[in-house]
Protein backbone atom coordinates (compact mmCIF):
# COMPACT_ATOMS: atom_id res chain seq x y z
CA ARG A 1 6.25 93.30 -16.65
CA GLY A 2 8.52 96.23 -15.87
CA SER A 3 9.66 97.38 -12.47
CA PRO A 4 7.91 100.22 -10.65
CA GLY A 5 9.10 103.78 -10.71
CA ALA A 6 10.26 105.44 -7.51
CA ALA A 7 7.92 108.35 -8.10
CA GLY A 8 5.03 106.10 -7.18
CA MET A 9 4.13 104.87 -10.62
CA PRO A 10 2.53 101.48 -11.14
CA ASN A 11 3.39 100.04 -14.50
CA GLY A 12 0.37 99.93 -16.74
CA SER A 13 1.65 96.81 -18.50
CA LEU A 14 1.04 94.42 -15.64
CA ALA A 15 -0.57 91.51 -17.50
CA PRO A 16 -3.69 93.37 -18.59
CA GLY A 17 -5.46 90.14 -19.53
CA SER A 18 -5.41 88.82 -15.99
CA ALA A 19 -8.70 89.24 -14.11
CA ALA A 20 -6.92 89.12 -10.75
CA LEU A 21 -4.51 91.87 -11.77
CA GLY A 22 -7.39 93.85 -13.25
CA SER A 23 -9.26 93.82 -9.93
CA LEU A 24 -6.01 94.58 -8.10
CA HIS A 25 -5.46 97.58 -10.36
CA GLY A 26 -9.02 98.77 -9.74
CA LEU A 27 -8.49 98.49 -5.98
CA TYR A 28 -5.27 100.46 -6.37
CA ILE A 29 -7.02 103.27 -8.27
CA GLY A 30 -9.82 103.50 -5.69
CA THR A 31 -7.39 103.61 -2.77
CA GLU A 32 -5.20 106.14 -4.60
CA CYS A 33 -8.18 108.46 -5.05
CA LEU A 34 -9.11 108.21 -1.37
CA VAL A 35 -5.55 108.95 -0.24
CA ALA A 36 -5.38 111.86 -2.69
CA VAL A 37 -8.46 113.49 -1.16
CA LEU A 38 -7.14 113.02 2.39
CA ALA A 39 -3.69 114.38 1.51
CA THR A 40 -5.07 117.42 -0.29
CA LEU A 41 -7.60 118.40 2.38
CA GLY A 42 -5.28 117.65 5.30
CA ASN A 43 -2.37 119.67 3.98
CA ALA A 44 -4.66 122.51 2.89
CA LEU A 45 -5.72 122.64 6.54
CA VAL A 46 -2.05 122.79 7.60
CA MET A 47 -1.36 125.68 5.22
CA CYS A 48 -4.39 127.56 6.54
CA ALA A 49 -3.19 126.95 10.10
CA VAL A 50 0.27 128.30 9.25
CA ARG A 51 -1.26 131.39 7.67
CA LEU A 52 -3.52 132.05 10.66
CA ARG A 53 -1.07 131.14 13.39
CA ALA A 54 2.10 132.96 12.28
CA PRO A 55 2.40 133.80 8.58
CA HIS A 56 5.79 135.48 9.15
CA ASN A 57 7.28 132.82 11.42
CA PRO A 58 10.34 131.37 9.59
CA ALA A 59 10.00 127.92 11.17
CA LEU A 60 6.31 127.64 10.28
CA LEU A 61 7.03 128.80 6.72
CA LEU A 62 9.17 125.67 6.32
CA VAL A 63 6.32 123.52 7.64
CA GLY A 64 4.03 125.28 5.16
CA SER A 65 6.42 124.43 2.32
CA LEU A 66 6.31 120.76 3.29
CA ALA A 67 2.50 120.93 3.44
CA LEU A 68 2.41 122.55 -0.01
CA ALA A 69 4.54 119.75 -1.46
CA ASP A 70 2.33 117.11 0.18
CA ALA A 71 -0.85 118.84 -1.01
CA ALA A 72 0.57 118.86 -4.55
CA VAL A 73 1.19 115.12 -4.23
CA GLY A 74 -2.50 114.63 -3.47
CA LEU A 75 -3.77 117.13 -6.03
CA LEU A 76 -1.42 116.37 -8.95
CA VAL A 77 0.91 113.43 -8.40
CA MET A 78 -1.66 110.81 -7.44
CA PRO A 79 -4.07 111.62 -10.31
CA LEU A 80 -1.15 111.59 -12.75
CA ALA A 81 0.03 108.28 -11.29
CA VAL A 82 -3.41 106.82 -11.98
CA VAL A 83 -3.39 108.22 -15.55
CA VAL A 84 0.02 106.74 -16.32
CA SER A 85 -0.97 103.42 -14.71
CA LEU A 86 -3.69 103.06 -17.36
CA GLY A 87 -1.01 102.68 -20.04
CA MET A 88 -2.60 105.04 -22.57
CA ALA A 89 -0.90 105.60 -25.93
CA MET A 90 0.86 108.97 -26.22
CA PRO A 91 4.12 110.45 -27.58
CA ALA A 92 7.17 109.29 -25.64
CA TYR A 93 8.20 112.73 -24.44
CA SER A 94 4.67 113.57 -23.33
CA CYS A 95 4.72 110.44 -21.20
CA LEU A 96 8.20 111.35 -19.94
CA PHE A 97 7.04 114.84 -18.94
CA LEU A 98 4.12 113.41 -16.92
CA CYS A 99 6.49 111.03 -15.15
CA CYS A 100 8.96 113.84 -14.42
CA LEU A 101 6.23 115.93 -12.80
CA LEU A 102 5.79 113.14 -10.27
CA LEU A 103 9.41 113.53 -9.19
CA VAL A 104 9.31 117.30 -8.65
CA PHE A 105 7.04 117.35 -5.61
CA THR A 106 8.69 114.35 -3.96
CA ASN A 107 12.00 116.19 -4.29
CA ALA A 108 10.41 119.29 -2.73
CA SER A 109 9.21 117.21 0.23
CA ILE A 110 12.72 115.89 0.87
CA LEU A 111 14.37 119.31 0.67
CA SER A 112 11.66 120.87 2.86
CA LEU A 113 12.34 118.21 5.49
CA LEU A 114 16.06 118.96 5.24
CA ALA A 115 15.43 122.69 5.63
CA ILE A 116 13.29 122.03 8.72
CA ALA A 117 16.04 119.87 10.24
CA ILE A 118 18.67 122.58 9.63
CA ASP A 119 16.38 125.21 11.13
CA ARG A 120 15.81 123.13 14.27
CA TYR A 121 19.55 122.49 14.57
CA LEU A 122 20.33 126.22 14.42
CA ARG A 123 17.55 126.87 16.94
CA VAL A 124 19.13 124.69 19.65
CA LYS A 125 22.80 125.11 18.68
CA LEU A 126 22.76 128.92 18.46
CA PRO A 127 19.70 130.03 20.44
CA THR A 128 20.95 133.58 21.04
CA ARG A 129 21.82 134.18 17.36
CA TYR A 130 18.96 132.20 15.85
CA LYS A 131 16.68 135.17 15.18
CA THR A 132 19.44 137.07 13.37
CA ILE A 133 20.39 134.02 11.29
CA SER A 134 16.96 132.58 10.45
CA THR A 135 15.21 135.70 9.18
CA GLU A 136 12.05 135.61 7.09
CA ARG A 137 13.94 136.87 4.04
CA ARG A 138 16.56 134.13 4.29
CA VAL A 139 13.90 131.46 4.80
CA TRP A 140 12.06 132.61 1.67
CA GLY A 141 15.38 132.45 -0.20
CA ALA A 142 16.01 128.94 1.10
CA LEU A 143 12.52 127.86 0.03
CA GLY A 144 13.05 129.32 -3.43
CA LEU A 145 16.32 127.37 -3.67
CA CYS A 146 14.62 124.15 -2.50
CA TRP A 147 11.81 124.39 -5.04
CA GLY A 148 14.15 125.48 -7.83
CA LEU A 149 16.47 122.52 -7.24
CA SER A 150 13.47 120.19 -6.98
CA LEU A 151 12.19 121.39 -10.35
CA LEU A 152 15.58 120.97 -12.04
CA ALA A 153 16.19 117.53 -10.53
CA GLY A 154 12.69 116.33 -11.37
CA LEU A 155 12.93 117.46 -15.00
CA LEU A 156 16.48 116.12 -15.44
CA PRO A 157 15.32 113.11 -17.52
CA MET A 158 13.87 115.56 -20.05
CA PHE A 159 17.44 116.68 -20.86
CA GLY A 160 18.63 113.24 -21.93
CA TRP A 161 18.87 110.87 -18.96
CA ASN A 162 15.95 108.75 -20.13
CA GLN A 163 15.13 105.81 -22.32
CA ALA A 164 12.47 107.43 -24.48
CA GLY A 165 14.72 107.19 -27.53
CA PRO A 166 15.33 109.68 -30.32
CA SER A 167 11.93 109.11 -31.95
CA SER A 168 10.08 111.15 -29.33
CA SER A 169 7.12 111.85 -31.59
CA SER A 170 6.17 108.20 -32.05
CA PRO A 171 3.43 107.07 -29.64
CA LEU A 172 3.93 104.34 -27.08
CA ARG A 173 1.97 102.76 -24.28
CA CYS A 174 2.86 105.11 -21.45
CA SER A 175 4.41 103.59 -18.34
CA PHE A 176 7.07 104.85 -15.99
CA THR A 177 9.70 102.30 -16.91
CA ALA A 178 9.09 102.77 -20.63
CA VAL A 179 10.58 106.27 -20.53
CA VAL A 180 12.53 106.73 -17.26
CA SER A 181 15.88 104.99 -16.84
CA MET A 182 16.14 102.81 -13.77
CA ASP A 183 19.78 103.78 -13.29
CA PHE A 184 18.54 107.37 -12.90
CA MET A 185 15.99 106.25 -10.33
CA VAL A 186 18.50 104.17 -8.34
CA TYR A 187 21.70 106.20 -8.50
CA PHE A 188 20.28 109.73 -8.60
CA CYS A 189 16.77 109.70 -7.10
CA PHE A 190 17.40 107.12 -4.38
CA LEU A 191 21.08 107.06 -3.44
CA THR A 192 21.84 110.75 -4.08
CA TRP A 193 18.56 112.60 -3.67
CA THR A 194 16.80 110.51 -1.00
CA LEU A 195 19.22 108.38 1.01
CA LEU A 196 21.96 111.01 1.41
CA PRO A 197 19.58 113.74 2.72
CA LEU A 198 17.95 111.19 5.04
CA LEU A 199 21.34 110.33 6.55
CA VAL A 200 22.16 114.03 6.97
CA MET A 201 18.80 114.65 8.66
CA CYS A 202 19.28 111.67 10.99
CA ALA A 203 22.67 113.07 12.00
CA LEU A 204 21.17 116.54 12.59
CA TYR A 205 18.35 115.23 14.78
CA ALA A 206 20.78 113.02 16.73
CA GLU A 207 22.90 116.12 17.39
CA ILE A 208 19.78 118.11 18.33
CA PHE A 209 18.75 115.52 20.93
CA CYS A 210 22.31 115.39 22.30
CA ILE A 211 22.45 119.18 22.69
CA ILE A 212 19.04 119.35 24.36
CA HIS A 213 19.88 116.47 26.70
CA ALA A 214 23.17 118.12 27.67
CA ARG A 215 21.51 121.49 28.34
CA LEU A 216 18.73 119.96 30.42
CA SER A 217 21.21 117.82 32.36
CA GLN A 218 23.38 120.83 33.17
CA GLY A 219 20.39 122.81 34.38
CA THR A 220 22.09 126.10 33.53
CA GLY A 221 20.18 129.22 32.56
CA GLY A 222 17.34 128.94 35.06
CA ARG A 223 13.70 128.03 34.46
CA GLY A 224 13.51 130.02 31.23
CA ALA A 225 16.23 127.94 29.59
CA GLY A 226 14.67 124.74 30.91
CA ALA A 227 11.28 125.67 29.45
CA PHE A 228 12.92 126.63 26.14
CA TYR A 229 14.76 123.34 25.74
CA GLY A 230 11.73 121.42 26.96
CA GLN A 231 9.66 122.94 24.15
CA GLU A 232 12.42 122.28 21.64
CA LEU A 233 12.57 118.66 22.76
CA LYS A 234 8.85 118.23 22.08
CA ALA A 235 9.14 119.91 18.69
CA ALA A 236 12.20 117.84 17.76
CA LYS A 237 10.41 114.61 18.68
CA SER A 238 7.42 115.53 16.53
CA LEU A 239 9.55 116.50 13.51
CA ALA A 240 11.77 113.45 13.94
CA LEU A 241 8.59 111.35 13.81
CA VAL A 242 7.67 113.09 10.52
CA LEU A 243 11.11 112.19 9.18
CA PHE A 244 10.84 108.58 10.42
CA LEU A 245 7.47 108.08 8.74
CA PHE A 246 8.81 109.58 5.51
CA ALA A 247 11.68 107.09 5.50
CA VAL A 248 9.44 104.13 6.35
CA SER A 249 6.95 105.14 3.64
CA TRP A 250 9.44 105.61 0.79
CA LEU A 251 12.20 103.08 1.45
CA PRO A 252 10.13 99.99 0.45
CA LEU A 253 9.51 101.37 -3.05
CA CYS A 254 13.16 102.43 -3.36
CA ILE A 255 14.27 98.94 -2.32
CA ILE A 256 11.96 97.39 -4.93
CA ASN A 257 13.55 99.65 -7.54
CA CYS A 258 17.02 98.52 -6.49
CA VAL A 259 16.04 94.85 -6.60
CA SER A 260 14.48 95.30 -10.04
CA TYR A 261 17.55 97.16 -11.34
CA PHE A 262 20.30 94.95 -9.93
CA HIS A 263 18.35 91.68 -10.34
CA PRO A 264 16.18 92.21 -13.45
CA ASP A 265 15.14 88.53 -13.54
CA SER A 266 13.57 88.69 -10.08
CA GLN A 267 9.80 88.30 -9.93
CA ILE A 268 8.25 90.87 -7.61
CA PRO A 269 4.57 90.20 -6.83
CA PRO A 270 2.34 92.94 -8.25
CA TYR A 271 0.54 93.42 -4.95
CA LEU A 272 3.84 94.32 -3.27
CA ILE A 273 4.44 96.96 -5.93
CA TYR A 274 0.99 98.47 -5.42
CA LEU A 275 1.37 98.40 -1.62
CA ALA A 276 4.74 100.14 -1.83
CA ILE A 277 3.32 102.81 -4.14
CA LEU A 278 0.29 103.44 -1.92
CA LEU A 279 2.48 103.58 1.20
CA SER A 280 4.74 106.20 -0.40
CA HIS A 281 1.74 108.33 -1.37
CA ALA A 282 0.00 107.83 1.98
CA ASN A 283 2.93 109.59 3.63
CA SER A 284 1.56 112.88 2.29
CA ALA A 285 -1.61 112.37 4.36
CA MET A 286 0.24 111.48 7.58
CA ASN A 287 1.82 114.81 8.53
CA PRO A 288 -1.43 116.76 9.26
CA ILE A 289 -2.43 113.96 11.63
CA ILE A 290 0.94 114.09 13.39
CA TYR A 291 0.69 117.86 13.82
CA ALA A 292 -2.79 117.55 15.31
CA TYR A 293 -1.77 114.75 17.66
CA ARG A 294 1.62 116.05 18.78
CA ILE A 295 1.46 119.88 18.57
CA LYS A 296 -1.17 121.69 20.63
CA LYS A 297 -1.00 124.96 18.63
CA PHE A 298 -1.84 123.13 15.43
CA ARG A 299 -4.64 121.19 17.12
CA THR A 300 -6.31 124.33 18.45
CA THR A 301 -5.88 126.12 15.12
CA TYR A 302 -7.46 123.16 13.29
CA LEU A 303 -10.46 123.41 15.62
CA LEU A 304 -10.65 127.16 15.07
CA ILE A 305 -10.65 126.75 11.29
CA LEU A 306 -13.23 123.95 11.33
CA ARG A 307 -15.52 125.78 13.73
CA THR A 308 -15.24 129.24 12.18
CA TYR A 309 -14.86 128.62 8.45
CA ILE A 310 -16.45 125.20 7.93
CA LEU A 311 -19.26 125.09 10.50
CA CYS A 312 -19.71 128.91 10.42
CA LYS A 313 -19.90 129.16 14.21
CA LYS A 314 -18.36 131.71 16.53
CA PRO A 315 -14.97 130.57 17.84
CA GLU A 316 -14.77 129.55 21.47
CA PRO A 317 -12.75 131.92 23.69
CA ALA A 318 -10.23 129.16 24.41
CA LEU A 319 -9.45 128.87 20.71
């Protein structure tokens, strides 16, 4: 049995003759499909809310980018994860390409979170200059950079950092660890691409909370400033919760990868691997729920969309 891939890939070679593992794999596929539907529909609702609420708002464009990445996880990554978990025979580089696609949208989620954290930091650090710095044009440029870097980083194994071997045309039983190098997953995807941005984002949110606390404690600027920083405090708490859940969802799978890489003889129970994979994918379905629970504008826009476009009823005046 090979170790799992950090992109959320169960290895299709997990003792296929075992009835217990066969039923476990079936349960995994069923749960994966359910999470995929929830993630796709929930994040589609977020993108519709962003478009209706403020399509030219730079901050909401960043939230929309994160929702797009999470919707792609539900629409593409999870089905591909199920396909690769079946261990079908295919050319090595075809299998490698499928596995690389799984990395692209996870990378986009991380960079979108980082862009949101930077935007919030500028908002509270430079409130008077924020509108001149964070223009719609610059935000679109930042999003293009985020997605471009995510695509390059995700497809990096296609340029040689893999273990597919020179005979790329020969078929093999496709699994994540058959074609993707674990040193790439540990040193690049986890330590460089995931852990480092998480630490930067934690530092940014810590600084954001310190600035807001200092401004509210000073009480300078009158009621307007107090209301502004009060709103920013609520928004920062909500987005910090999004970041916290992302870290909690992805770190278990990354830790399993590290254990498998540094201690290859260790025996990791298959159910732990499946749970870690499902937890990492379930993160894509969490954010729409957080927005609805924590942010009133999103909650009312959700209700407007559901009432007007789904139930085909006239919107209530309050919405």
